[in-house]
Amino acid sequence: MTTLSGIRRPSRSQIFPLSGPNQVKRKGQWGGRRVGAGRKPVPPDPTTISDPLAFLHAVASGRITPNKTQVMAAIGLLPYFHARKR
């Protein structure tokens, strides 16, 4: 495209090379997995015991000092984690 003075003006594709529906993506600049991205892993809490039987064993051995509610909850959950052998 030329102007009235005869000097050629750059086209839109020369000014904005990555605009429009026919964008050309350069490798490594968009998307994908990056080092250091995302949520950082949280270390597990050493006082958290997911099994009520293991919790009661820790209470009996003196490794944990629970309150009464925690012990009653662990006793109540035992049948759901460990069924009786028949």
C-alpha atoms as a PDB file:
ATOM      1  CA  MET A   1       0.000   0.000   0.000  1.00  0.00           C
ATOM      2  CA  THR A   2       1.400   3.370  -0.955  1.00  0.00           C
ATOM      3  CA  THR A   3       0.620   6.846   0.273  1.00  0.00           C
ATOM      4  CA  LEU A   4       0.311   9.977  -1.821  1.00  0.00           C
ATOM      5  CA  SER A   5       3.976  10.863  -1.352  1.00  0.00           C
ATOM      6  CA  GLY A   6       5.088   7.499  -2.746  1.00  0.00           C
ATOM      7  CA  ILE A   7       6.574   6.171   0.507  1.00  0.00           C
ATOM      8  CA  ARG A   8       5.485   2.637   1.266  1.00  0.00           C
ATOM      9  CA  ARG A   9       3.663   2.204   4.560  1.00  0.00           C
ATOM     10  CA  PRO A  10       4.149  -1.127   6.458  1.00  0.00           C
ATOM     11  CA  SER A  11       1.201  -3.472   6.321  1.00  0.00           C
ATOM     12  CA  ARG A  12      -0.746  -4.534   9.401  1.00  0.00           C
ATOM     13  CA  SER A  13       0.868  -7.988   9.322  1.00  0.00           C
ATOM     14  CA  GLN A  14       4.292  -6.352   9.464  1.00  0.00           C
ATOM     15  CA  ILE A  15       3.328  -4.171  12.440  1.00  0.00           C
ATOM     16  CA  PHE A  16       1.387  -6.850  14.348  1.00  0.00           C
ATOM     17  CA  PRO A  17       2.857 -10.191  13.242  1.00  0.00           C
ATOM     18  CA  LEU A  18       0.918 -12.326  15.764  1.00  0.00           C
ATOM     19  CA  SER A  19      -2.561 -10.828  15.536  1.00  0.00           C
ATOM     20  CA  GLY A  20      -5.580 -12.328  13.880  1.00  0.00           C
ATOM     21  CA  PRO A  21      -6.935 -15.841  13.443  1.00  0.00           C
ATOM     22  CA  ASN A  22      -3.760 -17.174  11.796  1.00  0.00           C
ATOM     23  CA  GLN A  23      -1.416 -16.642  14.724  1.00  0.00           C
ATOM     24  CA  VAL A  24       1.832 -18.504  14.679  1.00  0.00           C
ATOM     25  CA  LYS A  25       2.820 -19.649  18.143  1.00  0.00           C
ATOM     26  CA  ARG A  26       6.492 -19.798  18.882  1.00  0.00           C
ATOM     27  CA  LYS A  27       7.582 -22.930  20.689  1.00  0.00           C
ATOM     28  CA  GLY A  28       8.208 -22.511  24.390  1.00  0.00           C
ATOM     29  CA  GLN A  29       6.419 -19.214  24.901  1.00  0.00           C
ATOM     30  CA  TRP A  30       2.819 -20.199  25.617  1.00  0.00           C
ATOM     31  CA  GLY A  31       1.161 -22.977  27.558  1.00  0.00           C
ATOM     32  CA  GLY A  32       2.614 -26.167  28.786  1.00  0.00           C
ATOM     33  CA  ARG A  33       4.310 -27.155  31.993  1.00  0.00           C
ATOM     34  CA  ARG A  34       6.858 -24.793  33.508  1.00  0.00           C
ATOM     35  CA  VAL A  35       9.419 -25.325  36.240  1.00  0.00           C
ATOM     36  CA  GLY A  36       8.269 -23.777  39.525  1.00  0.00           C
ATOM     37  CA  ALA A  37       4.696 -23.155  38.386  1.00  0.00           C
ATOM     38  CA  GLY A  38       1.628 -24.224  40.326  1.00  0.00           C
ATOM     39  CA  ARG A  39       0.891 -24.769  43.979  1.00  0.00           C
ATOM     40  CA  LYS A  40       3.712 -25.841  46.207  1.00  0.00           C
ATOM     41  CA  PRO A  41       3.220 -29.218  47.932  1.00  0.00           C
ATOM     42  CA  VAL A  42       2.364 -29.011  51.608  1.00  0.00           C
ATOM     43  CA  PRO A  43       4.253 -31.465  53.797  1.00  0.00           C
ATOM     44  CA  PRO A  44       1.962 -33.830  55.705  1.00  0.00           C
ATOM     45  CA  ASP A  45       1.235 -32.992  59.329  1.00  0.00           C
ATOM     46  CA  PRO A  46       2.996 -35.580  61.521  1.00  0.00           C
ATOM     47  CA  THR A  47       0.249 -35.403  64.165  1.00  0.00           C
ATOM     48  CA  THR A  48      -2.480 -36.351  61.671  1.00  0.00           C
ATOM     49  CA  ILE A  49      -3.394 -40.032  61.846  1.00  0.00           C
ATOM     50  CA  SER A  50      -6.063 -41.156  59.382  1.00  0.00           C
ATOM     51  CA  ASP A  51      -6.731 -44.598  60.896  1.00  0.00           C
ATOM     52  CA  PRO A  52      -8.649 -44.698  64.208  1.00  0.00           C
ATOM     53  CA  LEU A  53      -6.932 -47.921  65.278  1.00  0.00           C
ATOM     54  CA  ALA A  54      -3.493 -46.383  64.731  1.00  0.00           C
ATOM     55  CA  PHE A  55      -4.684 -43.322  66.659  1.00  0.00           C
ATOM     56  CA  LEU A  56      -5.771 -45.459  69.616  1.00  0.00           C
ATOM     57  CA  HIS A  57      -2.450 -47.340  69.505  1.00  0.00           C
ATOM     58  CA  ALA A  58      -0.605 -43.995  69.654  1.00  0.00           C
ATOM     59  CA  VAL A  59      -2.756 -42.933  72.614  1.00  0.00           C
ATOM     60  CA  ALA A  60      -2.102 -46.218  74.416  1.00  0.00           C
ATOM     61  CA  SER A  61       1.649 -45.980  73.837  1.00  0.00           C
ATOM     62  CA  GLY A  62       1.745 -42.385  75.090  1.00  0.00           C
ATOM     63  CA  ARG A  63       2.834 -40.707  71.836  1.00  0.00           C
ATOM     64  CA  ILE A  64      -0.344 -38.584  71.710  1.00  0.00           C
ATOM     65  CA  THR A  65      -2.271 -36.868  74.506  1.00  0.00           C
ATOM     66  CA  PRO A  66      -5.830 -36.541  73.133  1.00  0.00           C
ATOM     67  CA  ASN A  67      -8.950 -35.170  74.736  1.00  0.00           C
ATOM     68  CA  LYS A  68     -11.994 -37.269  75.568  1.00  0.00           C
ATOM     69  CA  THR A  69     -13.889 -36.282  72.407  1.00  0.00           C
ATOM     70  CA  GLN A  70     -11.077 -37.499  70.139  1.00  0.00           C
ATOM     71  CA  VAL A  71     -10.919 -40.870  71.867  1.00  0.00           C
ATOM     72  CA  MET A  72     -14.703 -41.335  71.731  1.00  0.00           C
ATOM     73  CA  ALA A  73     -14.720 -40.384  68.022  1.00  0.00           C
ATOM     74  CA  ALA A  74     -11.948 -42.897  67.266  1.00  0.00           C
ATOM     75  CA  ILE A  75     -13.810 -45.643  69.130  1.00  0.00           C
ATOM     76  CA  GLY A  76     -17.000 -44.779  67.225  1.00  0.00           C
ATOM     77  CA  LEU A  77     -15.196 -44.910  63.860  1.00  0.00           C
ATOM     78  CA  LEU A  78     -13.486 -48.280  64.421  1.00  0.00           C
ATOM     79  CA  PRO A  79     -16.342 -50.440  62.993  1.00  0.00           C
ATOM     80  CA  TYR A  80     -16.269 -48.427  59.736  1.00  0.00           C
ATOM     81  CA  PHE A  81     -12.522 -48.927  59.213  1.00  0.00           C
ATOM     82  CA  HIS A  82     -11.965 -52.396  60.684  1.00  0.00           C
ATOM     83  CA  ALA A  83     -14.785 -54.931  60.480  1.00  0.00           C
ATOM     84  CA  ARG A  84     -14.985 -57.774  62.991  1.00  0.00           C
ATOM     85  CA  LYS A  85     -13.689 -61.106  61.817  1.00  0.00           C
ATOM     86  CA  ARG A  86     -16.374 -63.788  61.851  1.00  0.00           C
END
